């Protein structure tokens, strides 16, 4: 009698597993379930706790975009959207470098103050620690998912730490 009950219970568990993806407990996996572009999850956040995770509107004809924020005084923001859309605006800054992030060419921007012409003109990667900055790149589409536009913004991190966070993003 025990064998007769065990088989239907196992079959029921196997059938329900894919349907439970929206409630997996992993916000990144749950977000990927409803989107047609690639979602990346950080593997390095400098031990900062997640403060906010939202899917935000990008307009009536666009998919939602992902905004995850870690930390408070020191902060990491991870912004992801379909590569064909432009949803977030990281702000005015100076391109201080380019870097390769997981095979893609990224722009590195520092938030040097444009009202201080000398500082703005001489802005460099070392300024990211004091003024903040971001890395921005686009990923290539896969067989099943569109490419993504990815931005990693940091406050209170060095240029090398920004790269560590950005390069630590892994496909969900």
C-alpha atoms as a PDB file:
ATOM      1  CA  UNK A   1       0.000   0.000   0.000  1.00  0.00           C
ATOM      2  CA  UNK A   2       2.901   2.393   0.691  1.00  0.00           C
ATOM      3  CA  UNK A   3       4.180   1.983  -2.887  1.00  0.00           C
ATOM      4  CA  UNK A   4       0.774   2.835  -4.362  1.00  0.00           C
ATOM      5  CA  UNK A   5       0.674   6.206  -2.528  1.00  0.00           C
ATOM      6  CA  UNK A   6       4.325   7.090  -3.115  1.00  0.00           C
ATOM      7  CA  UNK A   7       4.158   6.988  -6.919  1.00  0.00           C
ATOM      8  CA  UNK A   8       1.315   9.567  -7.294  1.00  0.00           C
ATOM      9  CA  UNK A   9       2.987  11.898  -4.769  1.00  0.00           C
ATOM     10  CA  UNK A  10       6.297  11.792  -6.676  1.00  0.00           C
ATOM     11  CA  UNK A  11       4.527  12.389  -9.987  1.00  0.00           C
ATOM     12  CA  UNK A  12       2.634  15.343  -8.527  1.00  0.00           C
ATOM     13  CA  UNK A  13       5.899  16.865  -7.237  1.00  0.00           C
ATOM     14  CA  UNK A  14       7.543  16.511 -10.660  1.00  0.00           C
ATOM     15  CA  UNK A  15       4.574  18.061 -12.464  1.00  0.00           C
ATOM     16  CA  UNK A  16       4.403  21.085 -10.120  1.00  0.00           C
ATOM     17  CA  UNK A  17       8.105  22.018 -10.171  1.00  0.00           C
ATOM     18  CA  UNK A  18       8.119  24.163 -13.388  1.00  0.00           C
ATOM     19  CA  UNK A  19       4.931  25.953 -12.390  1.00  0.00           C
ATOM     20  CA  UNK A  20       6.519  27.024  -9.114  1.00  0.00           C
ATOM     21  CA  UNK A  21       9.279  29.038 -10.806  1.00  0.00           C
ATOM     22  CA  UNK A  22       7.513  32.344 -10.120  1.00  0.00           C
ATOM     23  CA  UNK A  23       7.752  31.593  -6.397  1.00  0.00           C
ATOM     24  CA  UNK A  24      11.242  30.136  -6.347  1.00  0.00           C
ATOM     25  CA  UNK A  25      12.493  32.442  -3.598  1.00  0.00           C
ATOM     26  CA  UNK A  26      15.181  33.787  -5.940  1.00  0.00           C
ATOM     27  CA  UNK A  27      14.136  37.229  -7.180  1.00  0.00           C
ATOM     28  CA  UNK A  28      16.423  37.058 -10.214  1.00  0.00           C
ATOM     29  CA  UNK A  29      15.069  33.668 -11.332  1.00  0.00           C
ATOM     30  CA  UNK A  30      11.503  34.872 -10.805  1.00  0.00           C
ATOM     31  CA  UNK A  31      12.196  38.018 -12.881  1.00  0.00           C
ATOM     32  CA  UNK A  32      13.769  35.994 -15.713  1.00  0.00           C
ATOM     33  CA  UNK A  33      10.645  33.844 -15.901  1.00  0.00           C
ATOM     34  CA  UNK A  34       8.605  36.803 -17.136  1.00  0.00           C
ATOM     35  CA  UNK A  35      11.116  38.593 -19.377  1.00  0.00           C
ATOM     36  CA  UNK A  36      12.435  37.984 -22.901  1.00  0.00           C
ATOM     37  CA  UNK A  37      15.902  39.482 -22.283  1.00  0.00           C
ATOM     38  CA  UNK A  38      18.806  38.046 -20.306  1.00  0.00           C
ATOM     39  CA  UNK A  39      18.925  38.651 -16.556  1.00  0.00           C
ATOM     40  CA  UNK A  40      22.226  38.681 -14.681  1.00  0.00           C
ATOM     41  CA  UNK A  41      22.698  38.063 -10.959  1.00  0.00           C
ATOM     42  CA  UNK A  42      25.669  39.384  -8.981  1.00  0.00           C
ATOM     43  CA  UNK A  43      28.140  36.956  -7.406  1.00  0.00           C
ATOM     44  CA  UNK A  44      30.016  39.769  -5.625  1.00  0.00           C
ATOM     45  CA  UNK A  45      28.310  42.576  -3.691  1.00  0.00           C
ATOM     46  CA  UNK A  46      31.035  43.282  -1.077  1.00  0.00           C
ATOM     47  CA  UNK A  47      28.733  41.711   1.527  1.00  0.00           C
ATOM     48  CA  UNK A  48      26.161  44.480   1.033  1.00  0.00           C
ATOM     49  CA  UNK A  49      22.585  43.353   1.637  1.00  0.00           C
ATOM     50  CA  UNK A  50      19.926  43.827  -0.992  1.00  0.00           C
ATOM     51  CA  UNK A  51      17.825  46.875  -0.159  1.00  0.00           C
ATOM     52  CA  UNK A  52      15.480  46.972  -3.134  1.00  0.00           C
ATOM     53  CA  UNK A  53      14.586  44.739  -6.059  1.00  0.00           C
ATOM     54  CA  UNK A  54      11.992  46.003  -8.524  1.00  0.00           C
ATOM     55  CA  UNK A  55      10.742  45.518 -12.039  1.00  0.00           C
ATOM     56  CA  UNK A  56       9.893  49.016 -13.271  1.00  0.00           C
ATOM     57  CA  UNK A  57       7.826  50.286 -16.166  1.00  0.00           C
ATOM     58  CA  UNK A  58       9.653  51.321 -19.310  1.00  0.00           C
ATOM     59  CA  UNK A  59       6.537  52.590 -21.052  1.00  0.00           C
ATOM     60  CA  UNK A  60       3.408  50.984 -22.435  1.00  0.00           C
ATOM     61  CA  UNK A  61       5.057  49.067 -25.285  1.00  0.00           C
ATOM     62  CA  UNK A  62       8.252  47.950 -23.511  1.00  0.00           C
ATOM     63  CA  UNK A  63       9.048  45.162 -21.098  1.00  0.00           C
ATOM     64  CA  UNK A  64       9.748  46.067 -17.516  1.00  0.00           C
ATOM     65  CA  UNK A  65      13.334  46.731 -16.490  1.00  0.00           C
ATOM     66  CA  UNK A  66      15.126  45.434 -13.433  1.00  0.00           C
ATOM     67  CA  UNK A  67      16.581  47.662 -10.710  1.00  0.00           C
ATOM     68  CA  UNK A  68      18.379  46.002  -7.776  1.00  0.00           C
ATOM     69  CA  UNK A  69      20.024  48.101  -5.057  1.00  0.00           C
ATOM     70  CA  UNK A  70      22.496  46.818  -2.479  1.00  0.00           C
ATOM     71  CA  UNK A  71      23.755  48.715   0.582  1.00  0.00           C
ATOM     72  CA  UNK A  72      23.074  52.205   1.871  1.00  0.00           C
ATOM     73  CA  UNK A  73      26.113  54.452   2.483  1.00  0.00           C
ATOM     74  CA  UNK A  74      28.168  52.349   0.084  1.00  0.00           C
ATOM     75  CA  UNK A  75      25.857  51.307  -2.688  1.00  0.00           C
ATOM     76  CA  UNK A  76      25.638  49.095  -5.760  1.00  0.00           C
ATOM     77  CA  UNK A  77      22.830  49.493  -8.277  1.00  0.00           C
ATOM     78  CA  UNK A  78      22.311  46.868 -10.957  1.00  0.00           C
ATOM     79  CA  UNK A  79      20.041  48.013 -13.783  1.00  0.00           C
ATOM     80  CA  UNK A  80      19.050  45.686 -16.608  1.00  0.00           C
ATOM     81  CA  UNK A  81      16.761  46.111 -19.591  1.00  0.00           C
ATOM     82  CA  UNK A  82      16.194  44.793 -23.092  1.00  0.00           C
ATOM     83  CA  UNK A  83      19.077  45.977 -25.274  1.00  0.00           C
ATOM     84  CA  UNK A  84      16.571  47.419 -27.776  1.00  0.00           C
ATOM     85  CA  UNK A  85      15.032  49.682 -25.101  1.00  0.00           C
ATOM     86  CA  UNK A  86      16.486  52.580 -23.131  1.00  0.00           C
ATOM     87  CA  UNK A  87      14.777  52.753 -19.763  1.00  0.00           C
ATOM     88  CA  UNK A  88      17.191  54.113 -17.164  1.00  0.00           C
ATOM     89  CA  UNK A  89      19.278  57.267 -17.197  1.00  0.00           C
ATOM     90  CA  UNK A  90      22.405  56.881 -15.073  1.00  0.00           C
ATOM     91  CA  UNK A  91      23.237  60.588 -15.188  1.00  0.00           C
ATOM     92  CA  UNK A  92      25.917  62.913 -16.474  1.00  0.00           C
ATOM     93  CA  UNK A  93      29.510  61.851 -16.156  1.00  0.00           C
ATOM     94  CA  UNK A  94      32.816  61.524 -17.931  1.00  0.00           C
ATOM     95  CA  UNK A  95      33.908  58.402 -19.763  1.00  0.00           C
ATOM     96  CA  UNK A  96      37.187  57.573 -18.042  1.00  0.00           C
ATOM     97  CA  UNK A  97      37.887  54.110 -19.469  1.00  0.00           C
ATOM     98  CA  UNK A  98      36.636  51.124 -21.385  1.00  0.00           C
ATOM     99  CA  UNK A  99      36.830  47.585 -20.062  1.00  0.00           C
ATOM    100  CA  UNK A 100      35.923  44.098 -21.177  1.00  0.00           C
ATOM    101  CA  UNK A 101      33.196  42.612 -19.012  1.00  0.00           C
ATOM    102  CA  UNK A 102      32.382  38.976 -19.678  1.00  0.00           C
ATOM    103  CA  UNK A 103      33.306  39.385 -23.345  1.00  0.00           C
ATOM    104  CA  UNK A 104      31.507  42.699 -23.925  1.00  0.00           C
ATOM    105  CA  UNK A 105      33.073  46.137 -24.272  1.00  0.00           C
ATOM    106  CA  UNK A 106      31.883  48.435 -21.473  1.00  0.00           C
ATOM    107  CA  UNK A 107      32.064  52.174 -21.007  1.00  0.00           C
ATOM    108  CA  UNK A 108      33.289  53.271 -17.582  1.00  0.00           C
ATOM    109  CA  UNK A 109      31.866  56.593 -16.438  1.00  0.00           C
ATOM    110  CA  UNK A 110      32.798  58.687 -13.374  1.00  0.00           C
ATOM    111  CA  UNK A 111      30.295  61.187 -11.948  1.00  0.00           C
ATOM    112  CA  UNK A 112      32.714  64.137 -11.926  1.00  0.00           C
ATOM    113  CA  UNK A 113      30.966  67.464 -11.356  1.00  0.00           C
ATOM    114  CA  UNK A 114      30.371  69.372 -14.625  1.00  0.00           C
ATOM    115  CA  UNK A 115      30.073  72.648 -12.683  1.00  0.00           C
ATOM    116  CA  UNK A 116      33.776  72.315 -11.789  1.00  0.00           C
ATOM    117  CA  UNK A 117      35.400  72.542 -15.228  1.00  0.00           C
ATOM    118  CA  UNK A 118      38.913  71.614 -14.123  1.00  0.00           C
ATOM    119  CA  UNK A 119      37.762  68.523 -12.184  1.00  0.00           C
ATOM    120  CA  UNK A 120      35.420  67.542 -15.013  1.00  0.00           C
ATOM    121  CA  UNK A 121      38.140  67.909 -17.664  1.00  0.00           C
ATOM    122  CA  UNK A 122      40.689  65.954 -15.598  1.00  0.00           C
ATOM    123  CA  UNK A 123      38.301  63.236 -14.381  1.00  0.00           C
ATOM    124  CA  UNK A 124      39.849  59.759 -14.171  1.00  0.00           C
ATOM    125  CA  UNK A 125      39.168  56.241 -12.889  1.00  0.00           C
ATOM    126  CA  UNK A 126      40.546  57.070  -9.433  1.00  0.00           C
ATOM    127  CA  UNK A 127      37.725  59.645  -9.018  1.00  0.00           C
ATOM    128  CA  UNK A 128      35.122  56.857  -8.971  1.00  0.00           C
ATOM    129  CA  UNK A 129      35.919  56.192  -5.292  1.00  0.00           C
ATOM    130  CA  UNK A 130      34.954  59.734  -4.261  1.00  0.00           C
ATOM    131  CA  UNK A 131      32.263  60.714  -6.784  1.00  0.00           C
ATOM    132  CA  UNK A 132      30.814  57.365  -7.864  1.00  0.00           C
ATOM    133  CA  UNK A 133      30.485  55.954 -11.323  1.00  0.00           C
ATOM    134  CA  UNK A 134      29.230  53.131 -13.468  1.00  0.00           C
ATOM    135  CA  UNK A 135      29.979  50.520 -16.078  1.00  0.00           C
ATOM    136  CA  UNK A 136      27.549  50.141 -18.983  1.00  0.00           C
ATOM    137  CA  UNK A 137      27.498  47.489 -21.707  1.00  0.00           C
ATOM    138  CA  UNK A 138      25.224  45.485 -23.952  1.00  0.00           C
ATOM    139  CA  UNK A 139      25.137  41.706 -24.104  1.00  0.00           C
ATOM    140  CA  UNK A 140      24.552  39.667 -27.246  1.00  0.00           C
ATOM    141  CA  UNK A 141      21.293  37.767 -27.640  1.00  0.00           C
ATOM    142  CA  UNK A 142      21.192  34.039 -27.036  1.00  0.00           C
ATOM    143  CA  UNK A 143      19.156  31.492 -28.976  1.00  0.00           C
ATOM    144  CA  UNK A 144      16.148  32.085 -26.712  1.00  0.00           C
ATOM    145  CA  UNK A 145      16.629  35.526 -25.110  1.00  0.00           C
ATOM    146  CA  UNK A 146      17.216  39.067 -26.339  1.00  0.00           C
ATOM    147  CA  UNK A 147      20.423  40.862 -25.442  1.00  0.00           C
ATOM    148  CA  UNK A 148      20.473  43.120 -22.398  1.00  0.00           C
ATOM    149  CA  UNK A 149      21.650  46.587 -21.577  1.00  0.00           C
ATOM    150  CA  UNK A 150      23.403  46.320 -18.202  1.00  0.00           C
ATOM    151  CA  UNK A 151      24.517  49.134 -15.898  1.00  0.00           C
ATOM    152  CA  UNK A 152      26.369  48.706 -12.621  1.00  0.00           C
ATOM    153  CA  UNK A 153      26.469  51.948 -10.626  1.00  0.00           C
ATOM    154  CA  UNK A 154      28.568  52.282  -7.477  1.00  0.00           C
ATOM    155  CA  UNK A 155      29.010  54.759  -4.642  1.00  0.00           C
ATOM    156  CA  UNK A 156      31.944  54.379  -2.245  1.00  0.00           C
ATOM    157  CA  UNK A 157      33.750  51.809  -4.401  1.00  0.00           C
ATOM    158  CA  UNK A 158      36.995  52.024  -6.344  1.00  0.00           C
ATOM    159  CA  UNK A 159      37.300  51.489 -10.084  1.00  0.00           C
ATOM    160  CA  UNK A 160      38.712  47.987  -9.520  1.00  0.00           C
ATOM    161  CA  UNK A 161      35.828  47.130  -7.169  1.00  0.00           C
ATOM    162  CA  UNK A 162      33.347  48.380  -9.776  1.00  0.00           C
ATOM    163  CA  UNK A 163      34.933  46.006 -12.282  1.00  0.00           C
ATOM    164  CA  UNK A 164      34.825  43.170  -9.738  1.00  0.00           C
ATOM    165  CA  UNK A 165      31.075  43.658  -9.233  1.00  0.00           C
ATOM    166  CA  UNK A 166      30.408  44.001 -12.988  1.00  0.00           C
ATOM    167  CA  UNK A 167      32.526  41.003 -13.990  1.00  0.00           C
ATOM    168  CA  UNK A 168      30.889  38.953 -11.261  1.00  0.00           C
ATOM    169  CA  UNK A 169      27.452  39.167 -12.901  1.00  0.00           C
ATOM    170  CA  UNK A 170      26.367  35.743 -14.101  1.00  0.00           C
ATOM    171  CA  UNK A 171      23.480  34.766 -16.373  1.00  0.00           C
ATOM    172  CA  UNK A 172      20.477  33.427 -14.464  1.00  0.00           C
END
